[in-house]
Amino acid sequence: MTSREIAFLIVGTITALCAILAVTTKQVVHAALWLLVSLGALAGAYVVLGQELVGIVQLLVYVGAIVVLVLFALMLTRAPIGRHSEIDTPRWERVLASALGGATTALLAAVLLPMFASARLAEDAPATPAIGEAIFGTWVWPFELLSVLLLVALVTAFAVSRIVLHHEGEAS
């Protein structure tokens, strides 16, 4: 194994383990933080594969926007931070969800791994400037619309929390 393959294996293992922790933890804030680590490690996997621009976009869009939006939504809705008996899922549901997730992963691996077992990274893969030109030339408007959508969601979450706080203040 080359050092690049070893680095990819390490980063991929971190990504998978953090993703598993993100969906199996009982606390919502911990799930968001494990998701943050998992998405950050996935960006590292893109860098190991030589696709720095895709890794940076991964960091900006997912780690920098989506996870922050989730954390803001949790803070603004005053979701319970610790364990809460009213919203805890029963153990059998978590076990069933884990079994279904594992079965889906095994099925995808059984189908996709043989298809791409001999695939190698092409030496003439598009360079970062070509990908950047495509994204920020041809696809610039979808990126801009995504940023506006995230901004609207954040402002709306803030406005809704202010309305709820205002009405609670009137009731007391």
N, C-alpha and C. Protein backbone atom coordinates (compact mmCIF):
# COMPACT_ATOMS: atom_id res chain seq x y z
N MET A 1 0.84 -1.19 0.00
CA MET A 1 0.00 0.00 0.00
C MET A 1 0.88 1.24 0.00
N THR A 2 0.45 2.22 -0.77
CA THR A 2 1.17 3.48 -0.80
C THR A 2 0.73 4.35 0.37
N SER A 3 1.50 5.38 0.64
CA SER A 3 1.16 6.29 1.74
C SER A 3 -0.15 7.01 1.44
N ARG A 4 -0.43 7.26 0.18
CA ARG A 4 -1.70 7.90 -0.20
C ARG A 4 -2.89 6.99 0.12
N GLU A 5 -2.75 5.71 -0.15
CA GLU A 5 -3.82 4.76 0.16
C GLU A 5 -4.01 4.61 1.66
N ILE A 6 -2.91 4.62 2.41
CA ILE A 6 -2.99 4.53 3.87
C ILE A 6 -3.69 5.78 4.43
N ALA A 7 -3.32 6.96 3.93
CA ALA A 7 -3.96 8.20 4.38
C ALA A 7 -5.45 8.18 4.06
N PHE A 8 -5.80 7.69 2.86
CA PHE A 8 -7.21 7.62 2.48
C PHE A 8 -7.96 6.64 3.38
N LEU A 9 -7.34 5.52 3.71
CA LEU A 9 -7.96 4.54 4.60
C LEU A 9 -8.19 5.13 5.99
N ILE A 10 -7.23 5.86 6.51
CA ILE A 10 -7.38 6.49 7.83
C ILE A 10 -8.50 7.53 7.81
N VAL A 11 -8.48 8.41 6.82
CA VAL A 11 -9.50 9.47 6.74
C VAL A 11 -10.88 8.86 6.49
N GLY A 12 -10.95 7.84 5.65
CA GLY A 12 -12.23 7.17 5.39
C GLY A 12 -12.78 6.50 6.63
N THR A 13 -11.90 5.88 7.43
CA THR A 13 -12.34 5.25 8.67
C THR A 13 -12.87 6.28 9.66
N ILE A 14 -12.18 7.40 9.77
CA ILE A 14 -12.65 8.48 10.65
C ILE A 14 -14.01 8.98 10.18
N THR A 15 -14.17 9.17 8.87
CA THR A 15 -15.44 9.63 8.31
C THR A 15 -16.56 8.66 8.64
N ALA A 16 -16.33 7.38 8.41
CA ALA A 16 -17.37 6.38 8.65
C ALA A 16 -17.72 6.26 10.13
N LEU A 17 -16.71 6.24 11.00
CA LEU A 17 -16.99 6.12 12.42
C LEU A 17 -17.75 7.33 12.96
N CYS A 18 -17.37 8.52 12.53
CA CYS A 18 -18.07 9.72 12.98
C CYS A 18 -19.49 9.77 12.42
N ALA A 19 -19.70 9.28 11.21
CA ALA A 19 -21.04 9.23 10.66
C ALA A 19 -21.91 8.26 11.45
N ILE A 20 -21.35 7.13 11.84
CA ILE A 20 -22.09 6.18 12.67
C ILE A 20 -22.43 6.81 14.01
N LEU A 21 -21.48 7.49 14.62
CA LEU A 21 -21.75 8.16 15.90
C LEU A 21 -22.80 9.26 15.74
N ALA A 22 -22.81 9.94 14.59
CA ALA A 22 -23.78 11.01 14.37
C ALA A 22 -25.21 10.49 14.34
N VAL A 23 -25.41 9.29 13.82
CA VAL A 23 -26.78 8.78 13.72
C VAL A 23 -27.16 7.88 14.89
N THR A 24 -26.22 7.49 15.73
CA THR A 24 -26.57 6.61 16.84
C THR A 24 -26.57 7.30 18.19
N THR A 25 -26.05 8.50 18.29
CA THR A 25 -26.03 9.18 19.58
C THR A 25 -27.44 9.64 19.95
N LYS A 26 -27.71 9.73 21.23
CA LYS A 26 -29.03 10.12 21.70
C LYS A 26 -29.17 11.64 21.80
N GLN A 27 -28.07 12.35 21.90
CA GLN A 27 -28.14 13.79 22.10
C GLN A 27 -27.98 14.51 20.77
N VAL A 28 -28.89 15.43 20.50
CA VAL A 28 -28.96 16.09 19.20
C VAL A 28 -27.72 16.95 18.95
N VAL A 29 -27.27 17.66 19.96
CA VAL A 29 -26.10 18.52 19.77
C VAL A 29 -24.86 17.67 19.49
N HIS A 30 -24.73 16.54 20.18
CA HIS A 30 -23.60 15.65 19.91
C HIS A 30 -23.69 15.10 18.48
N ALA A 31 -24.90 14.79 18.02
CA ALA A 31 -25.07 14.31 16.65
C ALA A 31 -24.60 15.37 15.65
N ALA A 32 -24.95 16.62 15.90
CA ALA A 32 -24.51 17.70 15.00
C ALA A 32 -22.99 17.84 15.01
N LEU A 33 -22.38 17.70 16.17
CA LEU A 33 -20.92 17.81 16.25
C LEU A 33 -20.23 16.63 15.58
N TRP A 34 -20.77 15.42 15.73
CA TRP A 34 -20.19 14.27 15.04
C TRP A 34 -20.36 14.42 13.53
N LEU A 35 -21.49 14.99 13.10
CA LEU A 35 -21.69 15.26 11.67
C LEU A 35 -20.65 16.24 11.17
N LEU A 36 -20.34 17.24 11.97
CA LEU A 36 -19.32 18.22 11.61
C LEU A 36 -17.97 17.54 11.39
N VAL A 37 -17.58 16.66 12.29
CA VAL A 37 -16.30 15.95 12.17
C VAL A 37 -16.33 15.03 10.94
N SER A 38 -17.44 14.35 10.74
CA SER A 38 -17.55 13.43 9.60
C SER A 38 -17.42 14.18 8.27
N LEU A 39 -18.11 15.28 8.15
CA LEU A 39 -18.04 16.05 6.90
C LEU A 39 -16.67 16.69 6.71
N GLY A 40 -16.04 17.09 7.79
CA GLY A 40 -14.68 17.62 7.70
C GLY A 40 -13.68 16.55 7.26
N ALA A 41 -13.84 15.34 7.79
CA ALA A 41 -12.96 14.25 7.38
C ALA A 41 -13.21 13.86 5.92
N LEU A 42 -14.46 13.96 5.48
CA LEU A 42 -14.75 13.69 4.07
C LEU A 42 -14.04 14.70 3.17
N ALA A 43 -13.98 15.95 3.60
CA ALA A 43 -13.22 16.95 2.85
C ALA A 43 -11.75 16.56 2.80
N GLY A 44 -11.24 15.99 3.90
CA GLY A 44 -9.87 15.50 3.90
C GLY A 44 -9.67 14.36 2.91
N ALA A 45 -10.67 13.51 2.75
CA ALA A 45 -10.58 12.43 1.78
C ALA A 45 -10.48 12.98 0.36
N TYR A 46 -11.23 14.05 0.08
CA TYR A 46 -11.14 14.67 -1.24
C TYR A 46 -9.74 15.24 -1.47
N VAL A 47 -9.15 15.83 -0.45
CA VAL A 47 -7.80 16.38 -0.58
C VAL A 47 -6.79 15.26 -0.82
N VAL A 48 -6.94 14.13 -0.11
CA VAL A 48 -6.04 12.99 -0.32
C VAL A 48 -6.14 12.49 -1.75
N LEU A 49 -7.34 12.54 -2.33
CA LEU A 49 -7.54 12.09 -3.71
C LEU A 49 -7.07 13.11 -4.74
N GLY A 50 -6.59 14.26 -4.28
CA GLY A 50 -6.06 15.27 -5.20
C GLY A 50 -7.11 16.24 -5.72
N GLN A 51 -8.27 16.27 -5.12
CA GLN A 51 -9.33 17.18 -5.55
C GLN A 51 -9.53 18.25 -4.49
N GLU A 52 -8.57 19.17 -4.43
CA GLU A 52 -8.57 20.19 -3.38
C GLU A 52 -9.79 21.09 -3.46
N LEU A 53 -10.21 21.44 -4.67
CA LEU A 53 -11.35 22.35 -4.82
C LEU A 53 -12.63 21.71 -4.27
N VAL A 54 -12.82 20.43 -4.57
CA VAL A 54 -14.01 19.74 -4.06
C VAL A 54 -13.96 19.67 -2.54
N GLY A 55 -12.78 19.46 -1.97
CA GLY A 55 -12.62 19.46 -0.51
C GLY A 55 -12.94 20.81 0.10
N ILE A 56 -12.49 21.88 -0.55
CA ILE A 56 -12.77 23.22 -0.04
C ILE A 56 -14.27 23.53 -0.15
N VAL A 57 -14.89 23.15 -1.25
CA VAL A 57 -16.34 23.36 -1.40
C VAL A 57 -17.08 22.55 -0.34
N GLN A 58 -16.62 21.34 -0.07
CA GLN A 58 -17.21 20.50 0.99
C GLN A 58 -17.14 21.24 2.33
N LEU A 59 -15.99 21.82 2.64
CA LEU A 59 -15.84 22.55 3.89
C LEU A 59 -16.74 23.78 3.92
N LEU A 60 -16.76 24.53 2.83
CA LEU A 60 -17.55 25.76 2.83
C LEU A 60 -19.05 25.50 2.88
N VAL A 61 -19.53 24.60 2.03
CA VAL A 61 -20.97 24.41 1.92
C VAL A 61 -21.51 23.57 3.07
N TYR A 62 -20.90 22.43 3.33
CA TYR A 62 -21.47 21.53 4.32
C TYR A 62 -21.01 21.85 5.73
N VAL A 63 -19.71 21.91 5.94
CA VAL A 63 -19.22 22.18 7.29
C VAL A 63 -19.51 23.62 7.67
N GLY A 64 -19.25 24.54 6.77
CA GLY A 64 -19.40 25.95 7.09
C GLY A 64 -20.82 26.47 7.08
N ALA A 65 -21.73 25.79 6.40
CA ALA A 65 -23.08 26.32 6.29
C ALA A 65 -24.13 25.39 6.88
N ILE A 66 -24.18 24.17 6.41
CA ILE A 66 -25.24 23.26 6.83
C ILE A 66 -25.15 22.94 8.32
N VAL A 67 -23.97 22.56 8.80
CA VAL A 67 -23.85 22.20 10.21
C VAL A 67 -24.07 23.42 11.09
N VAL A 68 -23.56 24.58 10.69
CA VAL A 68 -23.80 25.80 11.46
C VAL A 68 -25.29 26.11 11.47
N LEU A 69 -25.97 25.91 10.36
CA LEU A 69 -27.41 26.13 10.31
C LEU A 69 -28.14 25.18 11.26
N VAL A 70 -27.73 23.92 11.30
CA VAL A 70 -28.34 22.95 12.22
C VAL A 70 -28.11 23.39 13.66
N LEU A 71 -26.90 23.80 13.99
CA LEU A 71 -26.61 24.23 15.36
C LEU A 71 -27.41 25.48 15.73
N PHE A 72 -27.54 26.44 14.80
CA PHE A 72 -28.35 27.62 15.07
C PHE A 72 -29.81 27.23 15.26
N ALA A 73 -30.31 26.32 14.44
CA ALA A 73 -31.70 25.89 14.59
C ALA A 73 -31.91 25.24 15.95
N LEU A 74 -30.95 24.44 16.39
CA LEU A 74 -31.06 23.82 17.71
C LEU A 74 -31.07 24.86 18.82
N MET A 75 -30.22 25.85 18.68
CA MET A 75 -30.16 26.89 19.71
C MET A 75 -31.41 27.75 19.70
N LEU A 76 -31.89 28.11 18.52
CA LEU A 76 -33.04 29.01 18.44
C LEU A 76 -34.35 28.34 18.83
N THR A 77 -34.47 27.05 18.61
CA THR A 77 -35.70 26.36 18.98
C THR A 77 -35.65 25.86 20.41
N ARG A 78 -34.55 26.09 21.08
CA ARG A 78 -34.36 25.66 22.46
C ARG A 78 -34.63 24.17 22.62
N ALA A 79 -34.05 23.38 21.70
CA ALA A 79 -34.16 21.93 21.80
C ALA A 79 -33.43 21.47 23.05
N PRO A 80 -33.92 20.43 23.70
CA PRO A 80 -33.24 19.96 24.92
C PRO A 80 -31.83 19.47 24.59
N ILE A 81 -30.89 19.89 25.40
CA ILE A 81 -29.50 19.55 25.15
C ILE A 81 -29.18 18.14 25.62
N GLY A 82 -29.58 17.79 26.80
CA GLY A 82 -29.28 16.47 27.36
C GLY A 82 -30.34 15.45 26.97
N ARG A 83 -30.35 14.36 27.70
CA ARG A 83 -31.34 13.32 27.45
C ARG A 83 -32.71 13.81 27.90
N HIS A 84 -33.71 13.43 27.14
CA HIS A 84 -35.07 13.88 27.41
C HIS A 84 -36.01 12.71 27.15
N SER A 85 -36.76 12.30 28.16
CA SER A 85 -37.56 11.09 28.05
C SER A 85 -38.67 11.20 27.01
N GLU A 86 -39.18 12.39 26.74
CA GLU A 86 -40.28 12.55 25.78
C GLU A 86 -39.85 12.36 24.34
N ILE A 87 -38.58 12.63 24.03
CA ILE A 87 -38.14 12.53 22.63
C ILE A 87 -37.15 11.41 22.39
N ASP A 88 -36.82 10.63 23.42
CA ASP A 88 -35.92 9.49 23.24
C ASP A 88 -36.60 8.41 22.41
N THR A 89 -35.85 7.81 21.52
CA THR A 89 -36.38 6.70 20.74
C THR A 89 -36.13 5.41 21.48
N PRO A 90 -37.05 4.47 21.36
CA PRO A 90 -36.84 3.18 22.05
C PRO A 90 -35.63 2.46 21.48
N ARG A 91 -35.05 1.60 22.30
CA ARG A 91 -33.85 0.87 21.89
C ARG A 91 -34.11 0.01 20.67
N TRP A 92 -35.27 -0.62 20.56
CA TRP A 92 -35.55 -1.50 19.43
C TRP A 92 -35.57 -0.72 18.12
N GLU A 93 -36.01 0.55 18.14
CA GLU A 93 -36.00 1.37 16.92
C GLU A 93 -34.58 1.68 16.49
N ARG A 94 -33.71 1.98 17.46
CA ARG A 94 -32.32 2.27 17.13
C ARG A 94 -31.62 1.04 16.58
N VAL A 95 -31.91 -0.12 17.17
CA VAL A 95 -31.31 -1.38 16.70
C VAL A 95 -31.81 -1.70 15.30
N LEU A 96 -33.11 -1.54 15.07
CA LEU A 96 -33.68 -1.79 13.75
C LEU A 96 -33.09 -0.84 12.71
N ALA A 97 -32.97 0.44 13.06
CA ALA A 97 -32.40 1.42 12.13
C ALA A 97 -30.93 1.09 11.82
N SER A 98 -30.19 0.66 12.83
CA SER A 98 -28.79 0.27 12.61
C SER A 98 -28.70 -0.95 11.70
N ALA A 99 -29.58 -1.92 11.92
CA ALA A 99 -29.58 -3.13 11.09
C ALA A 99 -29.94 -2.80 9.64
N LEU A 100 -30.93 -1.95 9.45
CA LEU A 100 -31.31 -1.56 8.09
C LEU A 100 -30.20 -0.75 7.42
N GLY A 101 -29.56 0.13 8.16
CA GLY A 101 -28.43 0.88 7.61
C GLY A 101 -27.27 -0.02 7.23
N GLY A 102 -26.97 -0.99 8.09
CA GLY A 102 -25.91 -1.95 7.78
C GLY A 102 -26.24 -2.81 6.57
N ALA A 103 -27.51 -3.24 6.48
CA ALA A 103 -27.93 -4.05 5.33
C ALA A 103 -27.85 -3.24 4.03
N THR A 104 -28.26 -1.98 4.09
CA THR A 104 -28.17 -1.12 2.90
C THR A 104 -26.72 -0.91 2.49
N THR A 105 -25.85 -0.69 3.47
CA THR A 105 -24.43 -0.53 3.18
C THR A 105 -23.85 -1.79 2.55
N ALA A 106 -24.19 -2.96 3.10
CA ALA A 106 -23.70 -4.22 2.56
C ALA A 106 -24.20 -4.44 1.13
N LEU A 107 -25.46 -4.12 0.89
CA LEU A 107 -26.02 -4.27 -0.46
C LEU A 107 -25.32 -3.35 -1.46
N LEU A 108 -25.14 -2.09 -1.08
CA LEU A 108 -24.44 -1.15 -1.97
C LEU A 108 -23.00 -1.59 -2.21
N ALA A 109 -22.33 -2.05 -1.15
CA ALA A 109 -20.96 -2.51 -1.31
C ALA A 109 -20.89 -3.72 -2.23
N ALA A 110 -21.84 -4.65 -2.08
CA ALA A 110 -21.84 -5.86 -2.92
C ALA A 110 -22.08 -5.52 -4.39
N VAL A 111 -22.84 -4.48 -4.65
CA VAL A 111 -23.15 -4.11 -6.03
C VAL A 111 -22.08 -3.19 -6.61
N LEU A 112 -21.65 -2.18 -5.84
CA LEU A 112 -20.77 -1.15 -6.39
C LEU A 112 -19.29 -1.52 -6.38
N LEU A 113 -18.83 -2.22 -5.37
CA LEU A 113 -17.40 -2.54 -5.31
C LEU A 113 -16.92 -3.36 -6.50
N PRO A 114 -17.64 -4.41 -6.91
CA PRO A 114 -17.17 -5.13 -8.10
C PRO A 114 -17.16 -4.27 -9.37
N MET A 115 -18.07 -3.32 -9.45
CA MET A 115 -18.12 -2.46 -10.64
C MET A 115 -16.91 -1.56 -10.74
N PHE A 116 -16.41 -1.10 -9.59
CA PHE A 116 -15.32 -0.14 -9.59
C PHE A 116 -14.02 -0.70 -9.02
N ALA A 117 -13.90 -2.01 -8.91
CA ALA A 117 -12.71 -2.63 -8.30
C ALA A 117 -11.45 -2.32 -9.10
N SER A 118 -11.55 -2.28 -10.40
CA SER A 118 -10.36 -2.04 -11.22
C SER A 118 -10.21 -0.57 -11.61
N ALA A 119 -11.09 0.27 -11.15
CA ALA A 119 -11.03 1.69 -11.52
C ALA A 119 -9.85 2.36 -10.82
N ARG A 120 -9.19 3.22 -11.51
CA ARG A 120 -8.08 4.01 -10.97
C ARG A 120 -8.33 5.47 -11.28
N LEU A 121 -7.73 6.32 -10.49
CA LEU A 121 -7.84 7.75 -10.71
C LEU A 121 -7.11 8.11 -12.00
N ALA A 122 -7.81 8.72 -12.91
CA ALA A 122 -7.21 9.05 -14.21
C ALA A 122 -6.16 10.15 -14.04
N GLU A 123 -5.07 9.99 -14.74
CA GLU A 123 -4.02 10.99 -14.68
C GLU A 123 -4.43 12.28 -15.39
N ASP A 124 -5.35 12.13 -16.36
CA ASP A 124 -5.79 13.32 -17.09
C ASP A 124 -7.11 13.84 -16.54
N ALA A 125 -7.35 13.64 -15.23
CA ALA A 125 -8.56 14.15 -14.59
C ALA A 125 -8.55 15.68 -14.68
N PRO A 126 -9.73 16.28 -14.73
CA PRO A 126 -9.77 17.74 -14.84
C PRO A 126 -9.04 18.41 -13.68
N ALA A 127 -8.26 19.39 -14.01
CA ALA A 127 -7.50 20.11 -12.99
C ALA A 127 -8.42 21.04 -12.21
N THR A 128 -7.93 21.48 -11.06
CA THR A 128 -8.72 22.36 -10.20
C THR A 128 -9.17 23.62 -10.92
N PRO A 129 -8.33 24.29 -11.73
CA PRO A 129 -8.83 25.47 -12.44
C PRO A 129 -10.00 25.17 -13.38
N ALA A 130 -9.98 24.00 -14.04
CA ALA A 130 -11.09 23.65 -14.95
C ALA A 130 -12.37 23.41 -14.16
N ILE A 131 -12.25 22.74 -13.01
CA ILE A 131 -13.42 22.50 -12.18
C ILE A 131 -13.94 23.83 -11.62
N GLY A 132 -13.03 24.68 -11.17
CA GLY A 132 -13.43 26.00 -10.66
C GLY A 132 -14.13 26.83 -11.72
N GLU A 133 -13.63 26.77 -12.93
CA GLU A 133 -14.27 27.50 -14.03
C GLU A 133 -15.68 26.98 -14.30
N ALA A 134 -15.84 25.65 -14.25
CA ALA A 134 -17.17 25.07 -14.47
C ALA A 134 -18.14 25.45 -13.36
N ILE A 135 -17.66 25.37 -12.11
CA ILE A 135 -18.55 25.66 -10.98
C ILE A 135 -18.91 27.13 -10.93
N PHE A 136 -17.91 27.99 -11.03
CA PHE A 136 -18.16 29.41 -10.84
C PHE A 136 -18.41 30.14 -12.15
N GLY A 137 -18.45 29.41 -13.25
CA GLY A 137 -18.85 29.99 -14.53
C GLY A 137 -20.25 29.50 -14.87
N THR A 138 -20.35 28.23 -15.17
CA THR A 138 -21.62 27.63 -15.57
C THR A 138 -22.58 27.50 -14.41
N TRP A 139 -22.09 27.08 -13.25
CA TRP A 139 -22.97 26.75 -12.13
C TRP A 139 -22.96 27.81 -11.03
N VAL A 140 -22.62 29.04 -11.34
CA VAL A 140 -22.54 30.06 -10.30
C VAL A 140 -23.91 30.40 -9.73
N TRP A 141 -24.95 30.41 -10.55
CA TRP A 141 -26.29 30.78 -10.05
C TRP A 141 -26.86 29.76 -9.07
N PRO A 142 -26.74 28.46 -9.30
CA PRO A 142 -27.20 27.52 -8.26
C PRO A 142 -26.45 27.70 -6.93
N PHE A 143 -25.16 27.99 -6.98
CA PHE A 143 -24.42 28.24 -5.74
C PHE A 143 -24.94 29.49 -5.04
N GLU A 144 -25.21 30.53 -5.79
CA GLU A 144 -25.73 31.76 -5.20
C GLU A 144 -27.13 31.54 -4.62
N LEU A 145 -27.96 30.77 -5.33
CA LEU A 145 -29.30 30.49 -4.82
C LEU A 145 -29.23 29.66 -3.54
N LEU A 146 -28.28 28.73 -3.46
CA LEU A 146 -28.11 27.95 -2.25
C LEU A 146 -27.73 28.85 -1.08
N SER A 147 -26.84 29.79 -1.30
CA SER A 147 -26.45 30.69 -0.21
C SER A 147 -27.62 31.56 0.23
N VAL A 148 -28.45 32.01 -0.71
CA VAL A 148 -29.63 32.80 -0.35
C VAL A 148 -30.63 31.94 0.42
N LEU A 149 -30.81 30.68 -0.01
CA LEU A 149 -31.71 29.77 0.69
C LEU A 149 -31.27 29.56 2.14
N LEU A 150 -29.98 29.36 2.35
CA LEU A 150 -29.47 29.18 3.71
C LEU A 150 -29.65 30.44 4.54
N LEU A 151 -29.43 31.59 3.95
CA LEU A 151 -29.62 32.85 4.66
C LEU A 151 -31.08 33.04 5.04
N VAL A 152 -32.00 32.76 4.12
CA VAL A 152 -33.43 32.88 4.41
C VAL A 152 -33.83 31.92 5.52
N ALA A 153 -33.32 30.70 5.50
CA ALA A 153 -33.65 29.73 6.55
C ALA A 153 -33.15 30.21 7.91
N LEU A 154 -31.96 30.79 7.96
CA LEU A 154 -31.42 31.28 9.21
C LEU A 154 -32.21 32.47 9.74
N VAL A 155 -32.54 33.42 8.87
CA VAL A 155 -33.33 34.58 9.28
C VAL A 155 -34.73 34.16 9.72
N THR A 156 -35.33 33.20 9.02
CA THR A 156 -36.65 32.71 9.38
C THR A 156 -36.62 32.02 10.74
N ALA A 157 -35.60 31.21 10.98
CA ALA A 157 -35.48 30.56 12.29
C ALA A 157 -35.35 31.59 13.40
N PHE A 158 -34.58 32.62 13.16
CA PHE A 158 -34.43 33.68 14.15
C PHE A 158 -35.76 34.41 14.36
N ALA A 159 -36.47 34.72 13.28
CA ALA A 159 -37.76 35.42 13.39
C ALA A 159 -38.78 34.57 14.14
N VAL A 160 -38.84 33.29 13.84
CA VAL A 160 -39.79 32.41 14.52
C VAL A 160 -39.47 32.33 16.01
N SER A 161 -38.19 32.26 16.35
CA SER A 161 -37.84 32.19 17.77
C SER A 161 -38.19 33.49 18.48
N ARG A 162 -38.06 34.61 17.80
CA ARG A 162 -38.41 35.90 18.40
C ARG A 162 -39.92 35.99 18.61
N ILE A 163 -40.72 35.49 17.67
CA ILE A 163 -42.18 35.51 17.81
C ILE A 163 -42.60 34.68 19.00
N VAL A 164 -42.03 33.47 19.12
CA VAL A 164 -42.37 32.59 20.23
C VAL A 164 -41.97 33.23 21.55
N LEU A 165 -40.78 33.82 21.62
CA LEU A 165 -40.33 34.47 22.85
C LEU A 165 -41.21 35.67 23.18
N HIS A 166 -41.63 36.42 22.18
CA HIS A 166 -42.48 37.59 22.39
C HIS A 166 -43.83 37.18 22.96
N HIS A 167 -44.44 36.14 22.38
CA HIS A 167 -45.74 35.68 22.87
C HIS A 167 -45.63 35.07 24.27
N GLU A 168 -44.54 34.39 24.56
CA GLU A 168 -44.36 33.85 25.92
C GLU A 168 -44.21 34.97 26.92
N GLY A 169 -43.57 36.07 26.52
CA GLY A 169 -43.41 37.23 27.40
C GLY A 169 -44.75 37.89 27.69
N GLU A 170 -45.66 37.92 26.72
CA GLU A 170 -46.97 38.53 26.92
C GLU A 170 -47.81 37.68 27.86
N ALA A 171 -47.65 36.35 27.82
CA ALA A 171 -48.48 35.46 28.63
C ALA A 171 -48.13 35.57 30.12
N SER A 172 -46.85 35.91 30.43
CA SER A 172 -46.50 35.95 31.84
C SER A 172 -46.72 37.29 32.46
